[in-house]
Amino acid sequence: MNSIPQTQNAKPQLRLLRAQRQLYGQAKTVVAGQLVLTIVVPLVGALVALALPDLKPFVAFLSLTIAIVDIAFLDRLQKRVLSSAAKVQEQFDCAVLGLPWNRFNVGQQLAPEAIYEAASAYSRRHDDSALTNWYPQVVGEVPLHLARIICQRTNLWYDSKVRRHYGTLLLLVAVGLLVALAGIGVLGGLTLTAFVLIVMAPGAPFFSWAIREYHRQRDVADALDRLRSEAEALWDRAKGGGCEADECEVQSRELQNAIFSRRSTSPPIFGWIYWLLRPHIEDQMNEGAADLVRAITPAGLG
């Protein structure tokens, strides 16, 4: 009843997804660099300063330089690349879901040359196996204005689920590492003062980042769940005939505005967490979409 399953796997859309993946990968690389510079380097520097006190001024200067570079350059770079990735994803969604581009909210589309460059870089290292069937195939069984809402709701559910898992994993790693370090301190016979200076002080940047990132991911997941509630409310109205196709499109465009705003400002998640969770979560995602479709086409899906 609609062409979403076919359109999302067409060459122009796969090119957009390749570019999106490449740009998000660049943003994650910047984040990894920030972590190395702001956590690993100060930790190593603190250990070196303990062994070689004469190097303390150099370590302090290096730490201050890293802090300035992070704020003035790396943080801005991450946000710029993340915004570009969100725009490419928005181009994909508009093409697949049949939504008009909202220049006022999103801005200008990314230049075709930039998309081609990013997509080509992705293709040199990956195939398209992880990009096909971006949205559940079953949405093709319902009219476009209904399928669009299912896809938007699915997107919000998937992102929230991954972020909650990621945040929980970070917290568990931080707590586990803290317990392990405490055990090492006890077994090593360290005094409280020595434990704080030798173990906790150098490790404090990591624990601070992990806890802060946990709360950031949880906050984003909560915001996504609120948006999903709006999508589900729109779905209830639409499937009951509460809004015509044109009206549903307008409301889906408003929902898409909120989705883009959340994408362009949310902290990125490292690719390995998607690789780890994808098989399990995608099964849930597909089944959830199928349930929504069955609710209005029980005969068509058996």
Protein backbone atom coordinates (compact mmCIF):
# COMPACT_ATOMS: atom_id res chain seq x y z
CA MET A 1 0.00 0.00 0.00
CA ASN A 2 3.06 2.26 0.11
CA SER A 3 6.58 2.18 -1.29
CA ILE A 4 8.62 2.62 1.91
CA PRO A 5 10.17 -0.90 1.76
CA GLN A 6 11.34 -0.35 -1.82
CA THR A 7 12.31 3.33 -1.54
CA GLN A 8 14.53 2.84 1.51
CA ASN A 9 16.64 0.28 -0.38
CA ALA A 10 16.99 2.33 -3.57
CA LYS A 11 20.47 3.55 -4.52
CA PRO A 12 19.96 7.25 -3.62
CA GLN A 13 18.72 6.34 -0.14
CA LEU A 14 21.48 3.81 0.48
CA ARG A 15 23.97 6.50 -0.49
CA LEU A 16 22.47 8.77 2.15
CA LEU A 17 22.74 6.02 4.76
CA ARG A 18 26.37 5.39 3.84
CA ALA A 19 27.11 9.08 4.28
CA GLN A 20 25.19 9.14 7.56
CA ARG A 21 27.16 6.21 8.93
CA GLN A 22 30.45 7.76 7.86
CA LEU A 23 29.65 11.12 9.45
CA TYR A 24 28.42 9.56 12.68
CA GLY A 25 31.60 7.48 12.68
CA GLN A 26 33.65 10.67 12.42
CA ALA A 27 31.75 12.18 15.33
CA LYS A 28 32.44 9.06 17.41
CA THR A 29 36.12 9.24 16.48
CA VAL A 30 36.24 12.78 17.79
CA VAL A 31 34.59 11.63 21.02
CA ALA A 32 37.14 8.83 21.35
CA GLY A 33 39.93 11.36 20.85
CA GLN A 34 38.42 13.58 23.52
CA LEU A 35 38.32 10.66 25.94
CA VAL A 36 41.94 9.79 25.27
CA LEU A 37 43.10 13.38 25.66
CA THR A 38 40.99 14.28 28.69
CA ILE A 39 41.11 10.96 30.58
CA VAL A 40 43.95 8.70 29.46
CA VAL A 41 46.64 11.37 28.96
CA PRO A 42 46.03 13.07 32.35
CA LEU A 43 46.00 9.64 34.01
CA VAL A 44 49.34 8.70 32.47
CA GLY A 45 50.68 12.16 33.24
CA ALA A 46 49.70 11.84 36.89
CA LEU A 47 51.46 8.49 37.16
CA VAL A 48 54.57 9.91 35.47
CA ALA A 49 54.54 12.91 37.79
CA LEU A 50 54.40 10.60 40.78
CA ALA A 51 57.48 8.75 39.56
CA LEU A 52 59.29 11.85 38.24
CA PRO A 53 58.30 14.91 40.32
CA ASP A 54 60.42 17.23 38.16
CA LEU A 55 57.96 16.70 35.31
CA LYS A 56 54.97 18.04 37.26
CA PRO A 57 55.07 21.52 35.60
CA PHE A 58 55.16 19.91 32.15
CA VAL A 59 52.25 17.60 33.01
CA ALA A 60 50.25 20.55 34.35
CA PHE A 61 50.94 22.56 31.18
CA LEU A 62 49.94 19.61 29.00
CA SER A 63 46.69 19.14 30.92
CA LEU A 64 45.77 22.81 30.55
CA THR A 65 46.57 22.73 26.83
CA ILE A 66 44.40 19.66 26.33
CA ALA A 67 41.51 21.32 28.16
CA ILE A 68 41.72 24.39 25.92
CA VAL A 69 41.98 22.33 22.71
CA ASP A 70 38.99 20.23 23.78
CA ILE A 71 36.78 23.24 24.45
CA ALA A 72 37.93 25.42 21.56
CA PHE A 73 38.26 22.82 18.80
CA LEU A 74 37.27 19.21 19.46
CA ASP A 75 33.91 19.92 21.08
CA ARG A 76 32.92 22.27 18.25
CA LEU A 77 34.09 19.76 15.64
CA GLN A 78 32.02 16.98 17.20
CA LYS A 79 28.88 19.10 17.20
CA ARG A 80 29.42 20.22 13.60
CA VAL A 81 29.89 16.68 12.30
CA LEU A 82 26.95 15.42 14.38
CA SER A 83 24.72 18.12 12.90
CA SER A 84 25.76 17.11 9.36
CA ALA A 85 25.01 13.45 10.11
CA ALA A 86 21.58 14.36 11.47
CA LYS A 87 20.84 16.36 8.31
CA VAL A 88 21.71 13.41 6.10
CA GLN A 89 19.46 11.16 8.16
CA GLU A 90 16.73 13.76 7.82
CA GLN A 91 17.17 13.72 4.03
CA PHE A 92 16.76 9.95 4.10
CA ASP A 93 13.64 10.12 6.24
CA CYS A 94 12.04 12.82 4.10
CA ALA A 95 12.68 10.79 0.93
CA VAL A 96 11.50 7.47 2.39
CA LEU A 97 8.57 8.69 4.46
CA GLY A 98 7.33 11.22 1.92
CA LEU A 99 7.79 14.27 4.13
CA PRO A 100 8.62 17.79 2.91
CA TRP A 101 11.98 19.27 3.87
CA ASN A 102 11.63 21.84 6.67
CA ARG A 103 14.31 24.41 5.87
CA PHE A 104 13.27 26.64 8.77
CA ASN A 105 13.87 23.92 11.36
CA VAL A 106 16.64 21.86 9.72
CA GLY A 107 18.41 24.39 7.52
CA GLN A 108 19.88 23.71 4.10
CA GLN A 109 20.46 20.16 2.94
CA LEU A 110 24.00 18.85 2.89
CA ALA A 111 25.71 19.42 -0.45
CA PRO A 112 25.60 16.43 -2.84
CA GLU A 113 29.41 16.52 -3.10
CA ALA A 114 29.75 16.17 0.68
CA ILE A 115 27.30 13.28 0.71
CA TYR A 116 29.14 11.53 -2.11
CA GLU A 117 32.50 11.99 -0.36
CA ALA A 118 31.23 10.56 2.93
CA ALA A 119 29.35 7.71 1.23
CA SER A 120 32.42 6.76 -0.81
CA ALA A 121 34.59 6.72 2.29
CA TYR A 122 32.11 4.38 3.98
CA SER A 123 31.93 2.05 0.95
CA ARG A 124 35.70 1.56 0.95
CA ARG A 125 35.46 -0.16 4.34
CA HIS A 126 31.93 -1.59 4.57
CA ASP A 127 29.20 -3.17 2.50
CA ASP A 128 25.50 -2.29 2.65
CA SER A 129 24.37 -5.29 4.69
CA ALA A 130 23.74 -3.16 7.79
CA LEU A 131 21.89 -0.47 5.83
CA THR A 132 19.17 -2.32 3.94
CA ASN A 133 15.66 -2.56 5.38
CA TRP A 134 16.27 0.42 7.65
CA TYR A 135 12.59 0.42 8.58
CA PRO A 136 10.56 -2.77 9.06
CA GLN A 137 9.35 -4.23 5.78
CA VAL A 138 5.91 -4.87 7.22
CA VAL A 139 5.03 -1.15 7.12
CA GLY A 140 4.45 -1.56 3.38
CA GLU A 141 1.14 -3.24 4.20
CA VAL A 142 -0.61 -0.06 5.37
CA PRO A 143 -1.34 3.38 3.86
CA LEU A 144 1.54 5.85 3.84
CA HIS A 145 0.18 8.20 6.50
CA LEU A 146 -0.05 5.26 8.91
CA ALA A 147 3.22 3.62 7.90
CA ARG A 148 5.02 6.92 8.42
CA ILE A 149 3.89 7.10 12.05
CA ILE A 150 4.93 3.49 12.67
CA CYS A 151 8.41 4.25 11.30
CA GLN A 152 8.76 7.38 13.44
CA ARG A 153 7.63 5.53 16.55
CA THR A 154 9.99 2.64 15.75
CA ASN A 155 12.90 5.04 15.32
CA LEU A 156 12.25 6.65 18.70
CA TRP A 157 11.84 3.31 20.47
CA TYR A 158 15.05 1.90 18.97
CA ASP A 159 17.19 4.92 19.84
CA SER A 160 15.86 5.09 23.40
CA LYS A 161 16.44 1.36 23.94
CA VAL A 162 20.05 1.52 22.77
CA ARG A 163 20.83 4.59 24.86
CA ARG A 164 19.41 3.05 28.02
CA HIS A 165 21.49 -0.08 27.51
CA TYR A 166 24.59 2.00 26.79
CA GLY A 167 24.12 4.20 29.86
CA THR A 168 23.56 1.19 32.11
CA LEU A 169 26.66 -0.52 30.72
CA LEU A 170 28.80 2.57 31.38
CA LEU A 171 27.56 2.74 34.96
CA LEU A 172 28.26 -0.96 35.53
CA VAL A 173 31.80 -0.58 34.13
CA ALA A 174 32.46 2.42 36.38
CA VAL A 175 31.15 0.67 39.50
CA GLY A 176 32.97 -2.55 38.63
CA LEU A 177 36.24 -0.70 38.07
CA LEU A 178 35.84 1.19 41.34
CA VAL A 179 35.27 -2.05 43.25
CA ALA A 180 38.26 -3.65 41.54
CA LEU A 181 40.51 -0.71 42.37
CA ALA A 182 39.33 -0.74 45.98
CA GLY A 183 40.14 -4.46 46.16
CA ILE A 184 43.60 -3.85 44.71
CA GLY A 185 44.17 -1.12 47.26
CA VAL A 186 43.18 -3.35 50.16
CA LEU A 187 45.24 -6.28 48.93
CA GLY A 188 48.17 -3.98 48.26
CA GLY A 189 48.06 -2.60 51.79
CA LEU A 190 47.64 1.00 50.67
CA THR A 191 46.67 3.59 53.24
CA LEU A 192 43.61 5.71 52.57
CA THR A 193 45.79 8.69 51.68
CA ALA A 194 47.93 6.65 49.30
CA PHE A 195 44.83 5.07 47.73
CA VAL A 196 43.26 8.46 47.07
CA LEU A 197 46.44 9.99 45.64
CA ILE A 198 47.69 7.02 43.62
CA VAL A 199 44.45 5.37 42.49
CA MET A 200 41.38 7.57 42.87
CA ALA A 201 42.80 10.94 41.82
CA PRO A 202 44.13 9.70 38.45
CA GLY A 203 40.96 7.68 37.87
CA ALA A 204 38.59 10.50 38.79
CA PRO A 205 38.28 11.88 35.21
CA PHE A 206 37.04 8.51 33.94
CA PHE A 207 34.53 8.04 36.75
CA SER A 208 33.33 11.62 36.27
CA TRP A 209 32.87 11.07 32.52
CA ALA A 210 31.14 7.70 32.93
CA ILE A 211 28.63 9.01 35.48
CA ARG A 212 27.99 12.19 33.49
CA GLU A 213 27.54 10.19 30.28
CA TYR A 214 25.18 7.78 32.04
CA HIS A 215 22.93 10.64 33.09
CA ARG A 216 23.14 12.30 29.65
CA GLN A 217 22.11 9.10 27.89
CA ARG A 218 19.27 8.52 30.35
CA ASP A 219 18.05 12.10 29.87
CA VAL A 220 18.06 11.67 26.09
CA ALA A 221 16.24 8.34 26.41
CA ASP A 222 13.58 9.97 28.61
CA ALA A 223 13.11 12.72 26.01
CA LEU A 224 12.83 10.11 23.26
CA ASP A 225 10.22 8.21 25.26
CA ARG A 226 8.19 11.40 25.59
CA LEU A 227 8.35 11.86 21.84
CA ARG A 228 7.35 8.23 21.37
CA SER A 229 4.27 8.87 23.51
CA GLU A 230 3.35 11.68 21.13
CA ALA A 231 3.86 9.34 18.17
CA GLU A 232 1.65 6.73 19.80
CA ALA A 233 -1.04 9.32 20.49
CA LEU A 234 -0.91 10.34 16.83
CA TRP A 235 -1.10 6.68 15.85
CA ASP A 236 -4.20 6.15 17.97
CA ARG A 237 -5.90 9.12 16.31
CA ALA A 238 -4.83 8.13 12.82
CA LYS A 239 -5.81 4.46 12.97
CA GLY A 240 -9.21 5.43 14.36
CA GLY A 241 -9.81 7.90 11.55
CA GLY A 242 -9.18 10.88 13.80
CA CYS A 243 -7.05 12.62 11.18
CA GLU A 244 -7.07 12.48 7.41
CA ALA A 245 -3.95 11.67 5.41
CA ASP A 246 -3.05 15.34 4.81
CA GLU A 247 -3.54 16.28 8.45
CA CYS A 248 -1.51 13.27 9.59
CA GLU A 249 1.31 14.35 7.27
CA VAL A 250 1.40 17.80 8.86
CA GLN A 251 1.51 16.31 12.36
CA SER A 252 4.16 13.77 11.33
CA ARG A 253 6.25 16.67 9.99
CA GLU A 254 5.97 18.37 13.39
CA LEU A 255 7.02 15.13 15.08
CA GLN A 256 9.92 14.83 12.64
CA ASN A 257 11.07 18.32 13.64
CA ALA A 258 11.41 17.13 17.21
CA ILE A 259 13.18 13.95 16.09
CA PHE A 260 15.74 15.97 14.12
CA SER A 261 16.36 18.36 17.00
CA ARG A 262 17.02 15.41 19.29
CA ARG A 263 19.32 13.71 16.77
CA SER A 264 21.41 16.80 16.13
CA THR A 265 22.07 17.48 19.82
CA SER A 266 22.23 14.02 21.41
CA PRO A 267 25.63 12.60 22.39
CA PRO A 268 26.81 9.92 19.94
CA ILE A 269 27.05 6.24 20.88
CA PHE A 270 30.03 4.11 19.93
CA GLY A 271 29.38 1.69 17.08
CA TRP A 272 30.26 -1.42 19.05
CA ILE A 273 27.17 -0.99 21.25
CA TYR A 274 24.94 -1.15 18.15
CA TRP A 275 26.82 -4.23 16.95
CA LEU A 276 26.34 -5.85 20.36
CA LEU A 277 22.62 -5.07 20.71
CA ARG A 278 21.42 -5.01 17.11
CA PRO A 279 20.29 -8.65 16.62
CA HIS A 280 18.20 -8.72 19.78
CA ILE A 281 16.77 -5.20 19.53
CA GLU A 282 15.97 -5.40 15.81
CA ASP A 283 13.88 -8.52 16.39
CA GLN A 284 11.90 -6.61 19.01
CA MET A 285 11.61 -3.59 16.71
CA ASN A 286 10.29 -5.63 13.80
CA GLU A 287 7.82 -7.50 15.97
CA GLY A 288 6.59 -4.25 17.52
CA ALA A 289 5.96 -2.75 14.10
CA ALA A 290 4.21 -5.93 12.98
CA ASP A 291 1.89 -5.76 15.99
CA LEU A 292 0.87 -2.22 15.08
CA VAL A 293 0.16 -3.27 11.50
CA ARG A 294 -1.80 -6.32 12.65
CA ALA A 295 -3.98 -4.07 14.75
CA ILE A 296 -5.47 -2.58 11.57
CA THR A 297 -4.88 -5.34 8.99
CA PRO A 298 -5.38 -8.65 10.84
CA ALA A 299 -6.57 -10.45 7.74
CA GLY A 300 -3.70 -9.21 5.60
CA LEU A 301 -1.05 -10.51 7.97
CA GLY A 302 -2.78 -13.61 9.12
